[in-house]
Amino acid sequence: MAQVCPVSRLEKLLVAVDMSEFSEGAISEAISFAVKCSSKLYAVTVLEANPEYETIGLNAFEKEEEEAARYLESVKARAVKEGLNCEVVVHRGESVYQFIIDEAAEKKVDIIVMGKHGRKGLAKLLMGEVAAKVIGNAPCNVLIVPKAARIEYAKILMATDGSEHSDAAAAEAIGIAKRCGSRLLAVSVMHDETERAEATANVNKVVELARKEGIEAEALTPIGRSFDVIVETAGGRGVDLIVMGTYGKTGIRKMLMGSVTEKVVGNAVCAVLVVRAKKG
């Protein structure tokens, strides 16, 4: 693919890292995005507060901070080598996700990039708690990148349920597809045949918008559990990127992200871009 910025506006980009191998894909893709989009890059890590430091002294505390500083400097060196402006930030506190979203809000970044699992080695079926909370509360879109993933943009799956968040995700997916010459799969999953008319309307709306932009698009209305079907379709059709909304139509409380989105992110082998609908 050509060196084209995949998204319309990406002046500032924040990559959240945890010094584990799970951040590697996020770092690589964040640098790639920043190069293609001429973005400023912020690399952030948060060291969890540990009451044990009070008993074992400051040495361990200082050692961890030095390790984090060295790690972030290595990320910065990779970015600078690609001609990027990169700023590094270390925080320490109990609420890791809050520091990440506060940093994103303060810096007014356009996207947060992060890995889906962290150093705690969560079970494969679970998405990292920090990643889930960042997605549910971030002031911007969030790109979740598996540790070995590279995004090629040849084929994009756009999952829709007809909600305002899906409409925002569709607009983003169509924009990416147009800039990158991608093929688009619009998917609306039915629980049973009674939902066929609604599902068909959902995907046809996306396909019609895509084709107006000259994008090759296909409509799919499979039956099953939404997250299973989305993940299986993405894997079976060789999808490079899944795009979906933060929440669904069920009006999940603000502190929680949509359960389908969370499960897709946790199980997909490709990157997932979670799009937040603009307010107002």
C-alpha atoms as a PDB file:
ATOM      1  CA  MET A   1       0.000   0.000   0.000  1.00  0.00           C
ATOM      2  CA  ALA A   2       1.107   3.543  -0.674  1.00  0.00           C
ATOM      3  CA  GLN A   3       2.310   5.853   2.083  1.00  0.00           C
ATOM      4  CA  VAL A   4      -1.092   7.453   2.531  1.00  0.00           C
ATOM      5  CA  CYS A   5      -2.596   8.596   5.833  1.00  0.00           C
ATOM      6  CA  PRO A   6      -5.451   6.125   6.475  1.00  0.00           C
ATOM      7  CA  VAL A   7      -7.585   8.566   8.486  1.00  0.00           C
ATOM      8  CA  SER A   8      -8.731  12.076   7.690  1.00  0.00           C
ATOM      9  CA  ARG A   9      -7.345  13.906  10.699  1.00  0.00           C
ATOM     10  CA  LEU A  10      -4.425  12.628  12.719  1.00  0.00           C
ATOM     11  CA  GLU A  11      -2.363  15.531  13.997  1.00  0.00           C
ATOM     12  CA  LYS A  12      -1.606  13.945  17.359  1.00  0.00           C
ATOM     13  CA  LEU A  13      -1.363  10.283  18.263  1.00  0.00           C
ATOM     14  CA  LEU A  14      -0.880   8.669  21.673  1.00  0.00           C
ATOM     15  CA  VAL A  15       0.543   5.176  22.047  1.00  0.00           C
ATOM     16  CA  ALA A  16       0.031   3.609  25.464  1.00  0.00           C
ATOM     17  CA  VAL A  17       2.685   0.997  26.299  1.00  0.00           C
ATOM     18  CA  ASP A  18       3.397  -1.302  29.226  1.00  0.00           C
ATOM     19  CA  MET A  19       6.942  -2.504  28.498  1.00  0.00           C
ATOM     20  CA  SER A  20       5.725  -5.964  27.502  1.00  0.00           C
ATOM     21  CA  GLU A  21       5.751  -7.797  24.172  1.00  0.00           C
ATOM     22  CA  PHE A  22       2.016  -7.076  23.936  1.00  0.00           C
ATOM     23  CA  SER A  23       2.808  -3.428  23.171  1.00  0.00           C
ATOM     24  CA  GLU A  24       5.069  -4.203  20.227  1.00  0.00           C
ATOM     25  CA  GLY A  25       2.353  -4.225  17.552  1.00  0.00           C
ATOM     26  CA  ALA A  26       0.900  -0.996  18.938  1.00  0.00           C
ATOM     27  CA  ILE A  27       4.293   0.746  18.855  1.00  0.00           C
ATOM     28  CA  SER A  28       5.033  -0.359  15.284  1.00  0.00           C
ATOM     29  CA  GLU A  29       1.599   0.688  14.017  1.00  0.00           C
ATOM     30  CA  ALA A  30       1.639   3.975  15.947  1.00  0.00           C
ATOM     31  CA  ILE A  31       4.967   4.902  14.364  1.00  0.00           C
ATOM     32  CA  SER A  32       3.692   3.797  10.943  1.00  0.00           C
ATOM     33  CA  PHE A  33       0.529   5.902  11.358  1.00  0.00           C
ATOM     34  CA  ALA A  34       2.514   8.924  12.550  1.00  0.00           C
ATOM     35  CA  VAL A  35       4.895   8.690   9.566  1.00  0.00           C
ATOM     36  CA  LYS A  36       2.057   8.384   7.030  1.00  0.00           C
ATOM     37  CA  CYS A  37       0.026  11.158   8.646  1.00  0.00           C
ATOM     38  CA  SER A  38       2.869  13.503   9.706  1.00  0.00           C
ATOM     39  CA  SER A  39       1.551  13.291  13.271  1.00  0.00           C
ATOM     40  CA  LYS A  40       3.123  14.207  16.574  1.00  0.00           C
ATOM     41  CA  LEU A  41       3.564  11.067  18.673  1.00  0.00           C
ATOM     42  CA  TYR A  42       3.172  10.749  22.436  1.00  0.00           C
ATOM     43  CA  ALA A  43       4.392   7.546  24.097  1.00  0.00           C
ATOM     44  CA  VAL A  44       2.893   7.014  27.551  1.00  0.00           C
ATOM     45  CA  THR A  45       3.337   4.381  30.223  1.00  0.00           C
ATOM     46  CA  VAL A  46       1.768   4.182  33.668  1.00  0.00           C
ATOM     47  CA  LEU A  47       3.496   2.474  36.578  1.00  0.00           C
ATOM     48  CA  GLU A  48       0.986   1.080  39.037  1.00  0.00           C
ATOM     49  CA  ALA A  49       1.180   2.378  42.590  1.00  0.00           C
ATOM     50  CA  ASN A  50       2.459  -0.354  44.896  1.00  0.00           C
ATOM     51  CA  PRO A  51       2.015  -0.116  48.689  1.00  0.00           C
ATOM     52  CA  GLU A  52       4.945  -2.513  49.111  1.00  0.00           C
ATOM     53  CA  TYR A  53       7.363   0.250  48.170  1.00  0.00           C
ATOM     54  CA  GLU A  54       6.725   1.761  51.573  1.00  0.00           C
ATOM     55  CA  THR A  55       8.209  -1.318  53.236  1.00  0.00           C
ATOM     56  CA  ILE A  56      10.937  -2.290  50.759  1.00  0.00           C
ATOM     57  CA  GLY A  57      12.257   1.226  50.310  1.00  0.00           C
ATOM     58  CA  LEU A  58      12.777   3.595  47.424  1.00  0.00           C
ATOM     59  CA  ASN A  59      15.348   1.534  45.533  1.00  0.00           C
ATOM     60  CA  ALA A  60      12.760  -0.683  43.826  1.00  0.00           C
ATOM     61  CA  PHE A  61      10.621   2.376  43.117  1.00  0.00           C
ATOM     62  CA  GLU A  62      13.510   4.225  41.482  1.00  0.00           C
ATOM     63  CA  LYS A  63      14.666   1.147  39.585  1.00  0.00           C
ATOM     64  CA  GLU A  64      11.216   0.697  38.038  1.00  0.00           C
ATOM     65  CA  GLU A  65      11.062   4.354  37.027  1.00  0.00           C
ATOM     66  CA  GLU A  66      14.527   4.149  35.461  1.00  0.00           C
ATOM     67  CA  GLU A  67      13.479   1.021  33.547  1.00  0.00           C
ATOM     68  CA  ALA A  68      10.347   2.792  32.284  1.00  0.00           C
ATOM     69  CA  ALA A  69      12.357   5.855  31.244  1.00  0.00           C
ATOM     70  CA  ARG A  70      14.846   3.684  29.311  1.00  0.00           C
ATOM     71  CA  TYR A  71      12.023   1.806  27.615  1.00  0.00           C
ATOM     72  CA  LEU A  72      10.253   4.981  26.530  1.00  0.00           C
ATOM     73  CA  GLU A  73      13.514   6.455  25.295  1.00  0.00           C
ATOM     74  CA  SER A  74      13.966   3.369  23.107  1.00  0.00           C
ATOM     75  CA  VAL A  75      10.461   3.941  21.685  1.00  0.00           C
ATOM     76  CA  LYS A  76      11.314   7.604  21.122  1.00  0.00           C
ATOM     77  CA  ALA A  77      14.567   6.644  19.375  1.00  0.00           C
ATOM     78  CA  ARG A  78      12.613   4.425  16.961  1.00  0.00           C
ATOM     79  CA  ALA A  79      10.225   7.299  16.246  1.00  0.00           C
ATOM     80  CA  VAL A  80      12.974   9.880  15.788  1.00  0.00           C
ATOM     81  CA  LYS A  81      14.759   7.526  13.401  1.00  0.00           C
ATOM     82  CA  GLU A  82      11.614   7.774  11.225  1.00  0.00           C
ATOM     83  CA  GLY A  83      11.743  11.568  11.382  1.00  0.00           C
ATOM     84  CA  LEU A  84       8.981  11.951  13.971  1.00  0.00           C
ATOM     85  CA  ASN A  85       8.485  14.390  16.815  1.00  0.00           C
ATOM     86  CA  CYS A  86       7.946  12.141  19.860  1.00  0.00           C
ATOM     87  CA  GLU A  87       7.287  13.098  23.469  1.00  0.00           C
ATOM     88  CA  VAL A  88       7.442  10.518  26.276  1.00  0.00           C
ATOM     89  CA  VAL A  89       5.435  10.565  29.515  1.00  0.00           C
ATOM     90  CA  VAL A  90       5.658   8.383  32.639  1.00  0.00           C
ATOM     91  CA  HIS A  91       2.891   8.387  35.240  1.00  0.00           C
ATOM     92  CA  ARG A  92       2.495   6.462  38.448  1.00  0.00           C
ATOM     93  CA  GLY A  93      -0.841   5.758  40.100  1.00  0.00           C
ATOM     94  CA  GLU A  94      -3.590   3.281  40.856  1.00  0.00           C
ATOM     95  CA  SER A  95      -5.928   4.014  37.951  1.00  0.00           C
ATOM     96  CA  VAL A  96      -3.840   3.175  34.888  1.00  0.00           C
ATOM     97  CA  TYR A  97      -6.618   3.739  32.345  1.00  0.00           C
ATOM     98  CA  GLN A  98      -7.511   7.129  33.850  1.00  0.00           C
ATOM     99  CA  PHE A  99      -3.988   8.450  33.327  1.00  0.00           C
ATOM    100  CA  ILE A 100      -4.113   7.329  29.691  1.00  0.00           C
ATOM    101  CA  ILE A 101      -7.447   8.974  28.909  1.00  0.00           C
ATOM    102  CA  ASP A 102      -6.525  12.117  30.886  1.00  0.00           C
ATOM    103  CA  GLU A 103      -3.290  12.390  28.893  1.00  0.00           C
ATOM    104  CA  ALA A 104      -5.235  11.930  25.646  1.00  0.00           C
ATOM    105  CA  ALA A 105      -7.699  14.650  26.654  1.00  0.00           C
ATOM    106  CA  GLU A 106      -4.996  17.068  27.809  1.00  0.00           C
ATOM    107  CA  LYS A 107      -2.918  16.619  24.650  1.00  0.00           C
ATOM    108  CA  LYS A 108      -6.076  16.665  22.481  1.00  0.00           C
ATOM    109  CA  VAL A 109      -4.937  13.585  20.571  1.00  0.00           C
ATOM    110  CA  ASP A 110      -6.949  12.231  17.661  1.00  0.00           C
ATOM    111  CA  ILE A 111      -6.410   8.551  18.402  1.00  0.00           C
ATOM    112  CA  ILE A 112      -5.061   6.250  21.125  1.00  0.00           C
ATOM    113  CA  VAL A 113      -3.133   3.157  19.989  1.00  0.00           C
ATOM    114  CA  MET A 114      -2.520   0.288  22.396  1.00  0.00           C
ATOM    115  CA  GLY A 115      -2.156  -3.474  22.727  1.00  0.00           C
ATOM    116  CA  LYS A 116      -5.075  -5.539  23.973  1.00  0.00           C
ATOM    117  CA  HIS A 117      -3.330  -7.533  26.697  1.00  0.00           C
ATOM    118  CA  GLY A 118      -0.848  -6.414  29.291  1.00  0.00           C
ATOM    119  CA  ARG A 119       1.813  -7.826  31.548  1.00  0.00           C
ATOM    120  CA  LYS A 120      -0.628  -9.544  33.879  1.00  0.00           C
ATOM    121  CA  GLY A 121      -1.173 -12.340  31.387  1.00  0.00           C
ATOM    122  CA  LEU A 122      -4.949 -12.322  31.286  1.00  0.00           C
ATOM    123  CA  ALA A 123      -6.716 -15.360  29.846  1.00  0.00           C
ATOM    124  CA  LYS A 124      -6.981 -15.393  26.057  1.00  0.00           C
ATOM    125  CA  LEU A 125     -10.743 -14.948  26.079  1.00  0.00           C
ATOM    126  CA  LEU A 126     -10.528 -11.819  28.176  1.00  0.00           C
ATOM    127  CA  MET A 127      -9.487  -8.471  26.903  1.00  0.00           C
ATOM    128  CA  GLY A 128      -7.108  -6.513  29.096  1.00  0.00           C
ATOM    129  CA  GLU A 129      -8.982  -4.556  31.736  1.00  0.00           C
ATOM    130  CA  VAL A 130      -7.020  -1.377  31.053  1.00  0.00           C
ATOM    131  CA  ALA A 131      -7.692  -1.542  27.310  1.00  0.00           C
ATOM    132  CA  ALA A 132     -11.418  -2.089  27.943  1.00  0.00           C
ATOM    133  CA  LYS A 133     -11.638   0.912  30.259  1.00  0.00           C
ATOM    134  CA  VAL A 134      -9.669   3.119  27.889  1.00  0.00           C
ATOM    135  CA  ILE A 135     -12.038   2.251  25.035  1.00  0.00           C
ATOM    136  CA  GLY A 136     -15.113   2.834  27.179  1.00  0.00           C
ATOM    137  CA  ASN A 137     -13.966   6.234  28.432  1.00  0.00           C
ATOM    138  CA  ALA A 138     -11.566   7.690  25.857  1.00  0.00           C
ATOM    139  CA  PRO A 139     -12.312  11.123  24.381  1.00  0.00           C
ATOM    140  CA  CYS A 140     -11.279   9.886  20.925  1.00  0.00           C
ATOM    141  CA  ASN A 141     -11.088   6.784  18.738  1.00  0.00           C
ATOM    142  CA  VAL A 142      -8.983   3.856  19.967  1.00  0.00           C
ATOM    143  CA  LEU A 143      -6.977   1.431  17.823  1.00  0.00           C
ATOM    144  CA  ILE A 144      -6.252  -1.919  19.476  1.00  0.00           C
ATOM    145  CA  VAL A 145      -3.363  -3.798  17.884  1.00  0.00           C
ATOM    146  CA  PRO A 146      -2.456  -7.451  18.644  1.00  0.00           C
ATOM    147  CA  LYS A 147       1.235  -7.890  19.413  1.00  0.00           C
ATOM    148  CA  ALA A 148       2.227  -9.310  16.017  1.00  0.00           C
ATOM    149  CA  ALA A 149      -0.287  -7.491  13.815  1.00  0.00           C
ATOM    150  CA  ARG A 150       0.552  -5.287  10.841  1.00  0.00           C
ATOM    151  CA  ILE A 151      -2.339  -3.420   9.247  1.00  0.00           C
ATOM    152  CA  GLU A 152      -2.388  -3.627   5.443  1.00  0.00           C
ATOM    153  CA  TYR A 153      -5.862  -2.095   4.784  1.00  0.00           C
ATOM    154  CA  ALA A 154      -6.648  -4.346   1.803  1.00  0.00           C
ATOM    155  CA  LYS A 155      -9.892  -5.535   3.381  1.00  0.00           C
ATOM    156  CA  ILE A 156     -11.908  -3.806   6.116  1.00  0.00           C
ATOM    157  CA  LEU A 157     -14.846  -5.272   8.030  1.00  0.00           C
ATOM    158  CA  MET A 158     -17.344  -2.701   9.274  1.00  0.00           C
ATOM    159  CA  ALA A 159     -19.746  -4.053  11.910  1.00  0.00           C
ATOM    160  CA  THR A 160     -23.038  -2.171  12.156  1.00  0.00           C
ATOM    161  CA  ASP A 161     -26.178  -2.359  14.275  1.00  0.00           C
ATOM    162  CA  GLY A 162     -27.732   0.847  12.963  1.00  0.00           C
ATOM    163  CA  SER A 163     -26.844   2.913  16.058  1.00  0.00           C
ATOM    164  CA  GLU A 164     -25.286   6.394  15.975  1.00  0.00           C
ATOM    165  CA  HIS A 165     -21.982   4.825  17.020  1.00  0.00           C
ATOM    166  CA  SER A 166     -22.200   2.436  14.059  1.00  0.00           C
ATOM    167  CA  ASP A 167     -22.932   5.370  11.750  1.00  0.00           C
ATOM    168  CA  ALA A 168     -19.777   7.108  12.995  1.00  0.00           C
ATOM    169  CA  ALA A 169     -17.794   3.877  12.534  1.00  0.00           C
ATOM    170  CA  ALA A 170     -19.184   3.466   9.004  1.00  0.00           C
ATOM    171  CA  ALA A 171     -18.092   6.980   8.050  1.00  0.00           C
ATOM    172  CA  GLU A 172     -14.591   6.255   9.392  1.00  0.00           C
ATOM    173  CA  ALA A 173     -14.388   2.858   7.656  1.00  0.00           C
ATOM    174  CA  ILE A 174     -15.515   4.349   4.325  1.00  0.00           C
ATOM    175  CA  GLY A 175     -12.979   7.167   4.667  1.00  0.00           C
ATOM    176  CA  ILE A 176     -10.149   4.694   5.329  1.00  0.00           C
ATOM    177  CA  ALA A 177     -11.263   2.452   2.456  1.00  0.00           C
ATOM    178  CA  LYS A 178     -11.357   5.398   0.043  1.00  0.00           C
ATOM    179  CA  ARG A 179      -7.891   6.639   1.002  1.00  0.00           C
ATOM    180  CA  CYS A 180      -6.292   3.183   1.046  1.00  0.00           C
ATOM    181  CA  GLY A 181      -8.126   1.511  -1.845  1.00  0.00           C
ATOM    182  CA  SER A 182      -9.633  -1.068   0.491  1.00  0.00           C
ATOM    183  CA  ARG A 183     -12.480  -3.484  -0.071  1.00  0.00           C
ATOM    184  CA  LEU A 184     -15.258  -3.124   2.515  1.00  0.00           C
ATOM    185  CA  LEU A 185     -17.376  -5.830   4.152  1.00  0.00           C
ATOM    186  CA  ALA A 186     -20.461  -4.440   5.912  1.00  0.00           C
ATOM    187  CA  VAL A 187     -21.749  -6.895   8.511  1.00  0.00           C
ATOM    188  CA  SER A 188     -24.931  -6.773  10.587  1.00  0.00           C
ATOM    189  CA  VAL A 189     -25.472  -9.899  12.661  1.00  0.00           C
ATOM    190  CA  MET A 190     -28.973 -11.285  13.239  1.00  0.00           C
ATOM    191  CA  HIS A 191     -30.011 -13.323  16.259  1.00  0.00           C
ATOM    192  CA  ASP A 192     -32.746 -14.905  14.116  1.00  0.00           C
ATOM    193  CA  GLU A 193     -34.766 -14.387  10.939  1.00  0.00           C
ATOM    194  CA  THR A 194     -37.099 -11.862  12.599  1.00  0.00           C
ATOM    195  CA  GLU A 195     -34.244  -9.349  12.429  1.00  0.00           C
ATOM    196  CA  ARG A 196     -33.502  -9.802   8.727  1.00  0.00           C
ATOM    197  CA  ALA A 197     -35.228  -6.629   7.541  1.00  0.00           C
ATOM    198  CA  GLU A 198     -33.404  -4.477  10.082  1.00  0.00           C
ATOM    199  CA  ALA A 199     -30.021  -6.141   9.450  1.00  0.00           C
ATOM    200  CA  THR A 200     -30.431  -5.799   5.693  1.00  0.00           C
ATOM    201  CA  ALA A 201     -31.299  -2.125   6.052  1.00  0.00           C
ATOM    202  CA  ASN A 202     -28.210  -1.600   8.247  1.00  0.00           C
ATOM    203  CA  VAL A 203     -25.731  -3.108   5.765  1.00  0.00           C
ATOM    204  CA  ASN A 204     -27.405  -1.694   2.665  1.00  0.00           C
ATOM    205  CA  LYS A 205     -27.064   1.798   4.107  1.00  0.00           C
ATOM    206  CA  VAL A 206     -23.305   1.303   4.552  1.00  0.00           C
ATOM    207  CA  VAL A 207     -22.832  -0.361   1.154  1.00  0.00           C
ATOM    208  CA  GLU A 208     -24.739   2.417  -0.623  1.00  0.00           C
ATOM    209  CA  LEU A 209     -22.587   5.103   1.036  1.00  0.00           C
ATOM    210  CA  ALA A 210     -19.413   3.156   0.189  1.00  0.00           C
ATOM    211  CA  ARG A 211     -20.325   2.644  -3.458  1.00  0.00           C
ATOM    212  CA  LYS A 212     -21.068   6.357  -3.846  1.00  0.00           C
ATOM    213  CA  GLU A 213     -17.414   6.871  -2.916  1.00  0.00           C
ATOM    214  CA  GLY A 214     -16.289   4.324  -5.505  1.00  0.00           C
ATOM    215  CA  ILE A 215     -15.488   1.647  -2.917  1.00  0.00           C
ATOM    216  CA  GLU A 216     -16.031  -2.044  -3.593  1.00  0.00           C
ATOM    217  CA  ALA A 217     -18.427  -3.144  -0.832  1.00  0.00           C
ATOM    218  CA  GLU A 218     -20.244  -6.328   0.141  1.00  0.00           C
ATOM    219  CA  ALA A 219     -23.228  -6.740   2.488  1.00  0.00           C
ATOM    220  CA  LEU A 220     -23.396  -9.661   4.945  1.00  0.00           C
ATOM    221  CA  THR A 221     -26.256 -10.501   7.327  1.00  0.00           C
ATOM    222  CA  PRO A 222     -25.231 -13.732   9.091  1.00  0.00           C
ATOM    223  CA  ILE A 223     -27.071 -15.344  12.011  1.00  0.00           C
ATOM    224  CA  GLY A 224     -25.399 -16.041  15.340  1.00  0.00           C
ATOM    225  CA  ARG A 225     -23.831 -14.397  18.363  1.00  0.00           C
ATOM    226  CA  SER A 226     -22.605 -11.006  17.179  1.00  0.00           C
ATOM    227  CA  PHE A 227     -19.048 -11.129  18.473  1.00  0.00           C
ATOM    228  CA  ASP A 228     -18.477 -14.741  17.386  1.00  0.00           C
ATOM    229  CA  VAL A 229     -19.744 -14.061  13.873  1.00  0.00           C
ATOM    230  CA  ILE A 230     -17.736 -10.830  13.480  1.00  0.00           C
ATOM    231  CA  VAL A 231     -14.493 -12.473  14.665  1.00  0.00           C
ATOM    232  CA  GLU A 232     -15.057 -15.613  12.538  1.00  0.00           C
ATOM    233  CA  THR A 233     -15.944 -13.578   9.442  1.00  0.00           C
ATOM    234  CA  ALA A 234     -12.876 -11.392   9.856  1.00  0.00           C
ATOM    235  CA  GLY A 235     -10.635 -14.435  10.213  1.00  0.00           C
ATOM    236  CA  GLY A 236     -12.251 -16.398   7.402  1.00  0.00           C
ATOM    237  CA  ARG A 237     -12.247 -13.514   4.931  1.00  0.00           C
ATOM    238  CA  GLY A 238      -8.694 -12.349   5.611  1.00  0.00           C
ATOM    239  CA  VAL A 239      -9.742  -8.985   7.052  1.00  0.00           C
ATOM    240  CA  ASP A 240      -6.945  -6.550   7.963  1.00  0.00           C
ATOM    241  CA  LEU A 241      -8.957  -4.207  10.159  1.00  0.00           C
ATOM    242  CA  ILE A 242     -12.304  -4.344  11.974  1.00  0.00           C
ATOM    243  CA  VAL A 243     -14.055  -1.005  12.479  1.00  0.00           C
ATOM    244  CA  MET A 244     -16.941  -0.696  14.934  1.00  0.00           C
ATOM    245  CA  GLY A 245     -18.592   1.707  17.361  1.00  0.00           C
ATOM    246  CA  THR A 246     -17.818   2.065  21.052  1.00  0.00           C
ATOM    247  CA  TYR A 247     -21.349   1.231  22.103  1.00  0.00           C
ATOM    248  CA  GLY A 248     -24.346  -0.498  20.598  1.00  0.00           C
ATOM    249  CA  LYS A 249     -28.047   0.243  20.572  1.00  0.00           C
ATOM    250  CA  THR A 250     -28.653  -1.229  24.003  1.00  0.00           C
ATOM    251  CA  GLY A 251     -27.582   1.985  25.722  1.00  0.00           C
ATOM    252  CA  ILE A 252     -24.820   0.526  27.872  1.00  0.00           C
ATOM    253  CA  ARG A 253     -23.964   2.736  30.823  1.00  0.00           C
ATOM    254  CA  LYS A 254     -21.169   5.205  30.155  1.00  0.00           C
ATOM    255  CA  MET A 255     -18.697   3.436  32.425  1.00  0.00           C
ATOM    256  CA  LEU A 256     -19.001   0.233  30.413  1.00  0.00           C
ATOM    257  CA  MET A 257     -18.161  -0.303  26.793  1.00  0.00           C
ATOM    258  CA  GLY A 258     -20.485  -2.341  24.614  1.00  0.00           C
ATOM    259  CA  SER A 259     -20.093  -6.033  25.412  1.00  0.00           C
ATOM    260  CA  VAL A 260     -19.985  -7.046  21.733  1.00  0.00           C
ATOM    261  CA  THR A 261     -17.224  -4.533  20.995  1.00  0.00           C
ATOM    262  CA  GLU A 262     -15.259  -5.718  24.017  1.00  0.00           C
ATOM    263  CA  LYS A 263     -15.510  -9.373  22.978  1.00  0.00           C
ATOM    264  CA  VAL A 264     -14.566  -8.639  19.372  1.00  0.00           C
ATOM    265  CA  VAL A 265     -11.475  -6.739  20.506  1.00  0.00           C
ATOM    266  CA  GLY A 266     -10.569  -9.522  22.911  1.00  0.00           C
ATOM    267  CA  ASN A 267     -10.839 -12.312  20.336  1.00  0.00           C
ATOM    268  CA  ALA A 268      -9.945 -10.827  16.945  1.00  0.00           C
ATOM    269  CA  VAL A 269      -6.547 -11.684  15.482  1.00  0.00           C
ATOM    270  CA  CYS A 270      -6.447  -8.450  13.486  1.00  0.00           C
ATOM    271  CA  ALA A 271      -6.440  -4.841  14.661  1.00  0.00           C
ATOM    272  CA  VAL A 272      -9.727  -3.242  15.745  1.00  0.00           C
ATOM    273  CA  LEU A 273     -10.529   0.468  15.414  1.00  0.00           C
ATOM    274  CA  VAL A 274     -13.190   1.507  17.918  1.00  0.00           C
ATOM    275  CA  VAL A 275     -14.931   4.705  16.843  1.00  0.00           C
ATOM    276  CA  ARG A 276     -16.616   7.139  19.201  1.00  0.00           C
ATOM    277  CA  ALA A 277     -19.582   9.093  17.857  1.00  0.00           C
ATOM    278  CA  LYS A 278     -19.033  12.836  18.022  1.00  0.00           C
ATOM    279  CA  LYS A 279     -21.185  14.579  20.617  1.00  0.00           C
ATOM    280  CA  GLY A 280     -23.742  17.188  19.825  1.00  0.00           C
END
